[in-house]
Amino acid sequence: MSNLAKYRLVCTLSFGDIYGQIIVWLIVLFISLSSAMAFMGASRPIYALATVGLILVLTLPFLLFAFVTTLLNHIEFAPIDPSTVKTTTATTASSQPARAIS
């Protein structure tokens, strides 16, 4: 457990890293909605619901996988230099002034 104290967890993820993934998924979502509207116009509402449901069910795991792998690629364990770390000591009794006992 003492080895973990020698490392610092750094996350370098920014919104720009996942921006492209969000745009692509929104494009897929709008295409599925437009195909659903086309099926609704053709008076086939069950196909419209099935199309949207199928596309959402098939694309959501890929989107979550892309988010998670992007996040994991931006997590770093940086070693801490012992010379720059300030040591904190427990100063409870030594830093308080002594009181006179009466």
Protein backbone atom coordinates (compact mmCIF):
# COMPACT_ATOMS: atom_id res chain seq x y z
CA MET A 1 0.00 0.00 0.00
CA SER A 2 2.92 2.35 0.60
CA ASN A 3 3.88 2.04 -3.08
CA LEU A 4 0.62 3.69 -4.11
CA ALA A 5 1.50 6.81 -2.14
CA LYS A 6 4.48 7.34 -4.43
CA TYR A 7 2.27 7.97 -7.47
CA ARG A 8 -0.18 10.68 -8.42
CA LEU A 9 -3.31 9.99 -10.49
CA VAL A 10 -3.66 12.47 -13.36
CA CYS A 11 -6.58 12.61 -15.80
CA THR A 12 -5.81 14.60 -18.96
CA LEU A 13 -9.19 14.09 -20.62
CA SER A 14 -10.76 17.18 -22.15
CA PHE A 15 -14.00 17.76 -23.98
CA GLY A 16 -12.17 17.96 -27.31
CA ASP A 17 -11.09 14.34 -26.93
CA ILE A 18 -14.65 13.02 -27.04
CA TYR A 19 -16.21 15.75 -29.18
CA GLY A 20 -15.83 13.76 -32.42
CA GLN A 21 -17.41 10.68 -30.88
CA ILE A 22 -20.43 12.69 -29.77
CA ILE A 23 -20.84 14.25 -33.22
CA VAL A 24 -20.69 10.85 -34.97
CA TRP A 25 -23.22 9.36 -32.57
CA LEU A 26 -25.58 12.32 -33.06
CA ILE A 27 -25.35 11.84 -36.83
CA VAL A 28 -26.25 8.16 -36.42
CA LEU A 29 -29.11 9.13 -34.14
CA PHE A 30 -30.52 11.67 -36.61
CA ILE A 31 -30.26 9.18 -39.47
CA SER A 32 -32.19 6.64 -37.45
CA LEU A 33 -34.85 9.19 -36.60
CA SER A 34 -35.18 10.22 -40.22
CA SER A 35 -35.59 6.61 -41.28
CA ALA A 36 -38.21 6.20 -38.56
CA MET A 37 -40.07 9.21 -39.89
CA ALA A 38 -39.93 7.69 -43.38
CA PHE A 39 -41.46 4.48 -42.04
CA MET A 40 -44.12 6.51 -40.22
CA GLY A 41 -44.94 8.26 -43.47
CA ALA A 42 -45.32 4.89 -45.15
CA SER A 43 -47.87 3.99 -42.43
CA ARG A 44 -45.64 1.33 -40.86
CA PRO A 45 -45.28 2.53 -37.26
CA ILE A 46 -44.05 -0.80 -35.89
CA TYR A 47 -41.12 -0.71 -38.32
CA ALA A 48 -40.39 2.86 -37.28
CA LEU A 49 -40.17 1.96 -33.61
CA ALA A 50 -38.16 -1.17 -34.39
CA THR A 51 -35.69 0.85 -36.50
CA VAL A 52 -35.03 3.44 -33.80
CA GLY A 53 -34.83 0.81 -31.07
CA LEU A 54 -32.49 -1.41 -33.05
CA ILE A 55 -30.15 1.42 -33.96
CA LEU A 56 -30.04 2.73 -30.40
CA VAL A 57 -29.47 -0.73 -28.94
CA LEU A 58 -26.71 -1.49 -31.44
CA THR A 59 -24.88 1.84 -31.25
CA LEU A 60 -25.03 2.56 -27.51
CA PRO A 61 -22.53 -0.18 -26.51
CA PHE A 62 -20.06 1.08 -29.12
CA LEU A 63 -20.46 4.63 -27.85
CA LEU A 64 -19.90 3.57 -24.24
CA PHE A 65 -16.89 1.47 -25.27
CA ALA A 66 -15.41 4.47 -27.10
CA PHE A 67 -15.95 6.75 -24.10
CA VAL A 68 -14.46 4.29 -21.62
CA THR A 69 -11.40 3.49 -23.73
CA THR A 70 -10.81 7.20 -24.38
CA LEU A 71 -11.04 7.89 -20.65
CA LEU A 72 -8.69 5.04 -19.78
CA ASN A 73 -6.17 6.23 -22.35
CA HIS A 74 -6.06 9.63 -20.63
CA ILE A 75 -5.45 8.38 -17.08
CA GLU A 76 -1.82 8.52 -16.06
CA PHE A 77 0.08 7.49 -12.96
CA ALA A 78 2.85 10.03 -12.50
CA PRO A 79 5.60 9.26 -10.01
CA ILE A 80 5.99 11.79 -7.22
CA ASP A 81 9.48 13.17 -6.66
CA PRO A 82 10.25 12.66 -2.95
CA SER A 83 12.33 15.85 -2.78
CA THR A 84 9.37 18.05 -3.71
CA VAL A 85 6.80 16.48 -1.40
CA LYS A 86 6.11 18.36 1.82
CA THR A 87 5.84 16.00 4.72
CA THR A 88 2.90 16.60 7.00
CA THR A 89 3.40 15.63 10.59
CA ALA A 90 0.78 15.23 13.20
CA THR A 91 1.27 18.25 15.43
CA THR A 92 -1.52 18.03 17.93
CA ALA A 93 0.05 18.34 21.35
CA SER A 94 3.37 19.97 20.42
CA SER A 95 1.95 23.00 18.62
CA GLN A 96 -0.57 24.02 21.28
CA PRO A 97 0.61 26.36 24.03
CA ALA A 98 0.93 24.92 27.49
CA ARG A 99 -1.74 25.90 29.99
CA ALA A 100 -1.09 26.60 33.58
CA ILE A 101 -2.71 24.16 35.96
CA SER A 102 -4.38 25.91 38.86
